[in-house]
Amino acid sequence: MKQIRIDGFGPPAQVARCCEVAAPGAPSAWEVLVDVEACAVNLADLARIAGRYGELPKLPATPGLEAAGRIAACGASVRDLAVGDRVILIANDNWCQQRRVPASLVFKVAPELDPLQLVTLKVGACTALELVRREAALERGGWIVQTAPLSSVGRAVMQIARHEGLRTLNIVRRPDAIEQVLAAGGDVALEDGPELAQAARAATGGAPLPIAFDAVGGDGVARVAALLDAGGTIVNYGMLSGRPIQFACDDAIFRGISVKGFWLTKLLSRMTHAQRDALIAEAVELVRAGVLHTEVAATYPLDAIGKALRHAEEAGRQGKVYLLPNGAPASVAASV
C-alpha cells in the first residue's frame, strides 16, 4: 500500500515522500482496519515534519494528525463497530491508505457526513471549541479578539462564536484579508499596526475586551495586549511568526495582562475516553447542523505529496489542503 514517510526533519515538500509498504494485515481482537478516505494537511503537520513542534515522532515516521475513513475489518472482540462504518481516526500517523488501530482510537460518525468536513474536526474544530467555550466562557454579546482568523482554527472560532451569540474582533496582517474575514463570518477585521488599539475601541464602541486568542506570536502580541482590558488574558496556541512572544512589562505589571499557552495534544492526553469522545461529538454535531464548514482549497493523491505540501505552505491560501489516499470518496471531486 502507499504511505507517506519522512526519514529526517526538514522542508516538508522536500523530505516527505510516497512509498510502497506492506499492508497492515488483519486486526487483532480489539483492533479495527480502516481504509483512509481523507487526510487534512495542518500547520501542525508541517511543523512536525520540519522538526519544529512540541512533540516529534521517532524516525522514520508517517505524518498525519487528522484522517477519516471506513472500517474495512473488525477484530473478534469489537462490538460497537462494523465493516463499512465511517469513522474519525483519533490516532496520529495517518497519511497512508490503511490504518490498523485499537478500536478505542476511532470515533464512529453518520455515514452521510462529508469526510472532508469530518477530517478537520480533531485539530481545528476541537481547538476552537475549547478556546471559545472553555477558555473564553463569555456571556452572549461578548467580544473575542483573535489573530490568524483565516487559519482553520480561526475560521472555526468565528463560526462557533457566531453560533454562540458572541462577536469576534479579528486582527490580520495584510489588508486584502479584511474582506475575506468578513465574508467568513467575522464581525470586525482590522489590520495590525500601531493604531490597532484605537481602531479596536472605535469598532467595538468601547466594549469590554477580556480575552484574545493568538496563533502568531512575535511583537504583535504587544499590540494585542494593549487593546485588552486590565486583567485580560492572551491564549497563545500557535507560532506562525516563528518569533518569541513580546509584550510590554507595563501591561504585565500594572494592567495584569497575562499570557497562557494552549496545546490541544496535551489536553486530549489528559482526558478520559468519555471526555474526548464528548468533545469530538460536539464538533460533529456542529458539522451536522451546518455551523462548522471548512473550505476546500484542493485535494491530492498520496503520490503528489510534494505538490500538496507546497500548496499547504502558500501564503494567503484560502481553504484546506487534503490528501485522498484511496481516491475521491463518494460526492467528493478530486482536484489535483
Protein backbone atom coordinates (compact mmCIF):
# COMPACT_ATOMS: atom_id res chain seq x y z
CA MET A 1 0.00 0.00 0.00
CA LYS A 2 1.00 3.65 -0.37
CA GLN A 3 2.26 5.56 2.66
CA ILE A 4 3.91 8.94 3.22
CA ARG A 5 7.21 8.69 5.04
CA ILE A 6 9.89 11.02 6.35
CA ASP A 7 13.39 9.79 7.19
CA GLY A 8 14.60 13.14 8.52
CA PHE A 9 13.21 16.52 9.52
CA GLY A 10 13.37 19.41 7.08
CA PRO A 11 11.40 21.40 4.48
CA PRO A 12 8.14 19.40 4.24
CA ALA A 13 7.85 19.24 0.45
CA GLN A 14 11.45 18.03 0.22
CA VAL A 15 11.59 15.40 2.97
CA ALA A 16 8.13 13.80 2.65
CA ARG A 17 7.91 11.01 0.06
CA CYS A 18 5.33 8.47 -1.04
CA CYS A 19 6.49 4.87 -0.80
CA GLU A 20 5.12 1.35 -1.10
CA VAL A 21 4.94 -0.61 2.16
CA ALA A 22 3.37 -3.85 3.32
CA ALA A 23 -0.35 -3.73 4.15
CA PRO A 24 -1.13 -3.59 7.89
CA GLY A 25 -2.71 -7.05 7.93
CA ALA A 26 -5.79 -8.33 9.74
CA PRO A 27 -6.78 -6.63 13.02
CA SER A 28 -6.25 -8.36 16.35
CA ALA A 29 -9.17 -8.93 18.73
CA TRP A 30 -9.52 -5.30 19.89
CA GLU A 31 -8.40 -3.59 16.70
CA VAL A 32 -10.01 -2.30 13.51
CA LEU A 33 -8.64 -1.91 10.00
CA VAL A 34 -9.56 1.42 8.40
CA ASP A 35 -9.49 2.39 4.72
CA VAL A 36 -8.40 6.03 4.93
CA GLU A 37 -10.68 8.25 2.85
CA ALA A 38 -9.27 11.70 3.55
CA CYS A 39 -6.46 13.39 5.48
CA ALA A 40 -6.14 17.09 6.30
CA VAL A 41 -2.82 18.89 5.95
CA ASN A 42 -2.43 21.09 9.03
CA LEU A 43 0.12 23.68 10.05
CA ALA A 44 0.95 21.37 12.93
CA ASP A 45 1.72 18.60 10.42
CA LEU A 46 4.08 20.92 8.57
CA ALA A 47 5.77 21.93 11.83
CA ARG A 48 6.24 18.29 12.89
CA ILE A 49 7.76 17.37 9.51
CA ALA A 50 10.08 20.35 9.78
CA GLY A 51 11.13 19.34 13.31
CA ARG A 52 9.68 22.49 14.91
CA TYR A 53 6.95 21.12 17.15
CA GLY A 54 6.48 20.33 20.83
CA GLU A 55 6.33 16.58 20.20
CA LEU A 56 8.19 14.89 17.36
CA PRO A 57 7.82 11.35 16.01
CA LYS A 58 10.58 8.76 16.08
CA LEU A 59 12.12 8.48 12.63
CA PRO A 60 11.36 7.08 10.13
CA ALA A 61 7.80 8.30 10.56
CA THR A 62 4.48 8.74 8.81
CA PRO A 63 2.90 12.18 9.36
CA GLY A 64 -0.78 12.98 9.65
CA LEU A 65 -2.72 14.21 12.67
CA GLU A 66 -6.18 14.07 11.08
CA ALA A 67 -7.97 11.47 8.97
CA ALA A 68 -11.36 9.92 8.36
CA GLY A 69 -12.22 6.62 6.73
CA ARG A 70 -14.31 3.47 6.59
CA ILE A 71 -13.95 0.33 8.66
CA ALA A 72 -12.59 -2.45 6.45
CA ALA A 73 -12.36 -5.16 9.12
CA CYS A 74 -13.04 -5.59 12.84
CA GLY A 75 -11.31 -7.73 15.43
CA ALA A 76 -13.26 -10.57 17.05
CA SER A 77 -13.85 -8.64 20.29
CA VAL A 78 -15.03 -5.37 18.72
CA ARG A 79 -18.77 -4.95 19.29
CA ASP A 80 -19.73 -1.31 18.57
CA LEU A 81 -18.25 -1.02 15.09
CA ALA A 82 -18.94 -2.82 11.83
CA VAL A 83 -17.45 -3.06 8.36
CA GLY A 84 -18.48 0.00 6.34
CA ASP A 85 -18.85 2.37 9.30
CA ARG A 86 -17.41 5.82 8.71
CA VAL A 87 -15.01 6.91 11.46
CA ILE A 88 -12.73 9.73 12.51
CA LEU A 89 -9.27 8.48 13.41
CA ILE A 90 -8.12 9.69 16.83
CA ALA A 91 -4.67 8.15 16.32
CA ASN A 92 -1.89 10.06 14.54
CA ASP A 93 0.39 8.94 11.66
CA ASN A 94 -2.47 8.75 9.16
CA TRP A 95 -1.06 9.65 5.73
CA CYS A 96 -1.46 6.18 4.24
CA GLN A 97 -4.09 4.05 2.54
CA GLN A 98 -4.89 1.81 5.50
CA ARG A 99 -4.52 2.02 9.30
CA ARG A 100 -4.78 -0.79 11.84
CA VAL A 101 -5.53 0.79 15.20
CA PRO A 102 -7.19 -0.03 18.52
CA ALA A 103 -10.95 0.33 18.27
CA SER A 104 -10.76 2.90 21.08
CA LEU A 105 -8.87 5.23 18.72
CA VAL A 106 -11.68 5.73 16.22
CA PHE A 107 -14.92 7.69 16.58
CA LYS A 108 -17.98 6.48 14.66
CA VAL A 109 -19.97 9.08 12.71
CA ALA A 110 -23.04 9.09 10.50
CA PRO A 111 -22.27 7.66 7.04
CA GLU A 112 -23.84 10.56 5.16
CA LEU A 113 -21.50 13.20 6.61
CA ASP A 114 -18.83 14.57 4.25
CA PRO A 115 -15.41 13.10 5.13
CA LEU A 116 -13.70 16.34 4.08
CA GLN A 117 -15.63 18.16 6.79
CA LEU A 118 -15.16 15.43 9.38
CA VAL A 119 -11.41 15.21 8.88
CA THR A 120 -10.81 18.77 10.11
CA LEU A 121 -12.52 18.29 13.47
CA LYS A 122 -9.89 16.64 15.66
CA VAL A 123 -7.41 19.55 15.46
CA GLY A 124 -9.09 22.74 14.25
CA ALA A 125 -12.65 22.42 15.48
CA CYS A 126 -11.80 20.83 18.83
CA THR A 127 -9.21 23.54 19.48
CA ALA A 128 -11.76 26.23 18.63
CA LEU A 129 -14.41 24.62 20.83
CA GLU A 130 -12.08 24.51 23.81
CA LEU A 131 -11.00 28.11 23.21
CA VAL A 132 -14.48 29.58 22.78
CA ARG A 133 -16.48 27.51 25.26
CA ARG A 134 -13.92 26.85 27.96
CA GLU A 135 -11.13 29.45 27.73
CA ALA A 136 -13.39 32.41 26.89
CA ALA A 137 -16.70 31.37 28.51
CA LEU A 138 -18.26 34.76 27.75
CA GLU A 139 -21.85 35.92 28.03
CA ARG A 140 -23.81 36.40 24.82
CA GLY A 141 -22.76 39.58 23.07
CA GLY A 142 -19.21 39.39 24.42
CA TRP A 143 -16.16 40.02 22.24
CA ILE A 144 -13.31 37.66 21.42
CA VAL A 145 -10.11 39.08 19.93
CA GLN A 146 -8.10 36.76 17.70
CA THR A 147 -5.13 36.73 15.36
CA ALA A 148 -4.83 34.41 12.32
CA PRO A 149 -8.60 34.40 11.72
CA LEU A 150 -8.23 32.72 8.31
CA SER A 151 -6.46 29.67 9.73
CA SER A 152 -8.56 26.54 10.25
CA VAL A 153 -8.83 27.27 13.98
CA GLY A 154 -9.54 30.95 13.36
CA ARG A 155 -12.36 30.19 10.94
CA ALA A 156 -13.87 27.70 13.38
CA VAL A 157 -13.64 30.27 16.19
CA MET A 158 -15.63 32.75 14.09
CA GLN A 159 -18.26 30.13 13.20
CA ILE A 160 -18.67 28.84 16.77
CA ALA A 161 -18.66 32.34 18.25
CA ARG A 162 -21.43 33.49 15.91
CA HIS A 163 -23.46 30.37 16.76
CA GLU A 164 -22.98 31.10 20.49
CA GLY A 165 -24.06 34.74 20.14
CA LEU A 166 -20.51 36.08 20.58
CA ARG A 167 -18.65 38.58 18.44
CA THR A 168 -15.12 38.43 17.04
CA LEU A 169 -12.57 41.18 16.51
CA ASN A 170 -10.10 39.72 14.04
CA ILE A 171 -6.58 41.01 13.51
CA VAL A 172 -5.00 40.40 10.10
CA ARG A 173 -1.50 41.04 8.76
CA ARG A 174 -2.40 42.13 5.23
CA PRO A 175 -5.18 44.48 4.03
CA ASP A 176 -6.58 42.09 1.41
CA ALA A 177 -7.51 39.65 4.19
CA ILE A 178 -10.07 42.02 5.70
CA GLU A 179 -12.83 41.23 3.20
CA GLN A 180 -12.07 37.51 3.44
CA VAL A 181 -12.51 37.59 7.22
CA LEU A 182 -15.80 39.43 7.00
CA ALA A 183 -17.04 37.01 4.35
CA ALA A 184 -16.04 34.11 6.62
CA GLY A 185 -18.22 35.39 9.45
CA GLY A 186 -16.01 37.78 11.41
CA ASP A 187 -17.75 40.79 12.96
CA VAL A 188 -14.77 43.14 12.73
CA ALA A 189 -11.47 42.77 10.86
CA LEU A 190 -8.58 45.18 11.46
CA GLU A 191 -5.08 45.29 10.02
CA ASP A 192 -2.33 45.01 12.63
CA GLY A 193 -0.35 48.19 13.24
CA PRO A 194 0.45 50.98 15.70
CA GLU A 195 -3.14 52.29 15.71
CA LEU A 196 -4.70 48.90 16.45
CA ALA A 197 -5.95 49.67 19.97
CA GLN A 198 -7.60 52.93 18.88
CA ALA A 199 -9.23 51.24 15.87
CA ALA A 200 -10.48 48.39 18.07
CA ARG A 201 -12.13 50.77 20.54
CA ALA A 202 -13.85 52.58 17.69
CA ALA A 203 -15.02 49.35 16.04
CA THR A 204 -16.44 47.84 19.24
CA GLY A 205 -17.83 51.02 20.73
CA GLY A 206 -15.52 50.64 23.70
CA ALA A 207 -16.99 47.25 24.67
CA PRO A 208 -15.01 45.08 27.12
CA LEU A 209 -12.23 43.04 25.52
CA PRO A 210 -11.19 40.49 28.14
CA ILE A 211 -9.58 37.74 26.06
CA ALA A 212 -7.55 37.16 22.91
CA PHE A 213 -6.55 34.01 21.04
CA ASP A 214 -3.15 34.32 19.39
CA ALA A 215 -1.63 31.95 16.84
CA VAL A 216 1.17 34.22 15.63
CA GLY A 217 3.46 35.27 18.49
CA GLY A 218 6.21 37.82 17.89
CA ASP A 219 5.91 41.55 18.57
CA GLY A 220 2.26 41.63 17.51
CA VAL A 221 1.35 40.20 20.91
CA ALA A 222 2.29 43.56 22.46
CA ARG A 223 -0.33 45.30 20.33
CA VAL A 224 -2.93 42.66 21.22
CA ALA A 225 -2.14 43.14 24.92
CA ALA A 226 -2.54 46.90 24.60
CA LEU A 227 -6.13 46.65 23.38
CA LEU A 228 -7.30 44.24 26.12
CA ASP A 229 -8.93 45.37 29.36
CA ALA A 230 -6.93 45.32 32.58
CA GLY A 231 -6.74 41.74 33.83
CA GLY A 232 -7.21 40.38 30.32
CA THR A 233 -5.76 37.10 29.05
CA ILE A 234 -3.94 36.19 25.84
CA VAL A 235 -4.19 32.48 24.99
CA ASN A 236 -1.35 31.55 22.66
CA TYR A 237 -1.90 28.37 20.64
CA GLY A 238 0.32 28.88 17.58
CA MET A 239 3.69 30.18 16.40
CA LEU A 240 3.12 31.36 12.83
CA SER A 241 5.66 34.19 13.07
CA GLY A 242 8.39 31.85 14.29
CA ARG A 243 9.42 34.54 16.80
CA PRO A 244 9.19 34.70 20.62
CA ILE A 245 6.21 36.40 22.21
CA GLN A 246 6.90 40.03 23.13
CA PHE A 247 4.75 42.42 25.10
CA ALA A 248 5.27 45.37 27.42
CA CYS A 249 6.24 44.88 31.05
CA ASP A 250 3.82 47.71 31.89
CA ASP A 251 0.93 45.63 30.58
CA ALA A 252 2.00 42.62 32.64
CA ILE A 253 2.80 44.51 35.86
CA PHE A 254 0.40 47.42 36.03
CA ARG A 255 -2.53 46.17 33.94
CA GLY A 256 -2.34 42.50 34.90
CA ILE A 257 -2.37 41.18 31.33
CA SER A 258 -1.39 37.51 31.32
CA VAL A 259 -0.29 35.09 28.61
CA LYS A 260 -1.01 31.37 28.78
CA GLY A 261 -0.31 28.56 26.35
CA PHE A 262 -2.84 26.14 24.88
CA TRP A 263 -1.89 22.82 23.26
CA LEU A 264 -4.75 20.51 22.32
CA THR A 265 -2.46 17.46 22.22
CA LYS A 266 -1.68 17.81 25.92
CA LEU A 267 -5.33 18.46 26.76
CA LEU A 268 -6.50 15.36 24.89
CA SER A 269 -3.85 13.23 26.60
CA ARG A 270 -5.32 14.19 29.98
CA MET A 271 -8.93 13.47 29.03
CA THR A 272 -10.75 10.22 29.66
CA HIS A 273 -12.10 8.46 26.58
CA ALA A 274 -15.59 9.67 27.52
CA GLN A 275 -14.44 13.29 27.75
CA ARG A 276 -12.54 13.05 24.47
CA ASP A 277 -15.49 11.47 22.68
CA ALA A 278 -17.86 14.11 24.08
CA LEU A 279 -15.65 16.86 22.67
CA ILE A 280 -15.49 15.24 19.23
CA ALA A 281 -19.25 14.61 19.33
CA GLU A 282 -19.77 18.35 19.94
CA ALA A 283 -17.75 19.13 16.84
CA VAL A 284 -19.55 16.51 14.74
CA GLU A 285 -22.94 17.90 15.75
CA LEU A 286 -21.85 21.39 14.68
CA VAL A 287 -20.92 19.99 11.26
CA ARG A 288 -24.29 18.25 11.03
CA ALA A 289 -26.06 21.50 11.97
CA GLY A 290 -24.15 23.48 9.33
CA VAL A 291 -22.40 25.65 11.92
CA LEU A 292 -18.91 24.40 11.11
CA HIS A 293 -17.78 24.32 7.49
CA THR A 294 -14.27 24.12 6.05
CA GLU A 295 -13.46 25.48 2.61
CA VAL A 296 -11.61 23.10 0.31
CA ALA A 297 -8.55 24.55 -1.40
CA ALA A 298 -7.60 21.33 -3.22
CA THR A 299 -7.30 17.57 -2.87
CA TYR A 300 -4.29 15.45 -3.85
CA PRO A 301 -3.39 11.77 -4.10
CA LEU A 302 -0.56 10.49 -1.91
CA ASP A 303 1.88 10.32 -4.81
CA ALA A 304 1.52 14.10 -5.29
CA ILE A 305 2.65 14.77 -1.71
CA GLY A 306 5.28 17.33 -2.69
CA LYS A 307 2.77 19.40 -4.63
CA ALA A 308 0.23 19.11 -1.81
CA LEU A 309 2.68 20.31 0.83
CA ARG A 310 3.88 23.22 -1.31
CA HIS A 311 0.25 24.25 -1.75
CA ALA A 312 -0.37 23.97 2.01
CA GLU A 313 2.60 26.29 2.68
CA GLU A 314 1.43 29.01 0.27
CA ALA A 315 0.87 32.41 1.89
CA GLY A 316 -2.69 33.62 1.52
CA ARG A 317 -4.03 30.18 0.66
CA GLN A 318 -7.80 30.01 1.04
CA GLY A 319 -9.21 26.72 2.28
CA LYS A 320 -7.75 23.44 3.47
CA VAL A 321 -5.46 21.12 1.51
CA TYR A 322 -6.43 17.44 1.68
CA LEU A 323 -4.90 14.10 0.80
CA LEU A 324 -7.17 11.40 -0.64
CA PRO A 325 -5.21 8.14 -0.14
CA ASN A 326 -7.71 5.90 -1.94
CA GLY A 327 -9.17 8.30 -4.48
CA ALA A 328 -12.17 10.56 -4.09
CA PRO A 329 -14.84 9.31 -1.65
CA ALA A 330 -18.45 9.45 -2.78
CA SER A 331 -19.59 13.04 -3.52
CA VAL A 332 -16.03 14.40 -3.27
CA ALA A 333 -14.46 15.61 -6.52
CA ALA A 334 -10.68 15.38 -6.54
CA SER A 335 -8.75 18.32 -7.95
CA VAL A 336 -5.05 17.82 -8.47
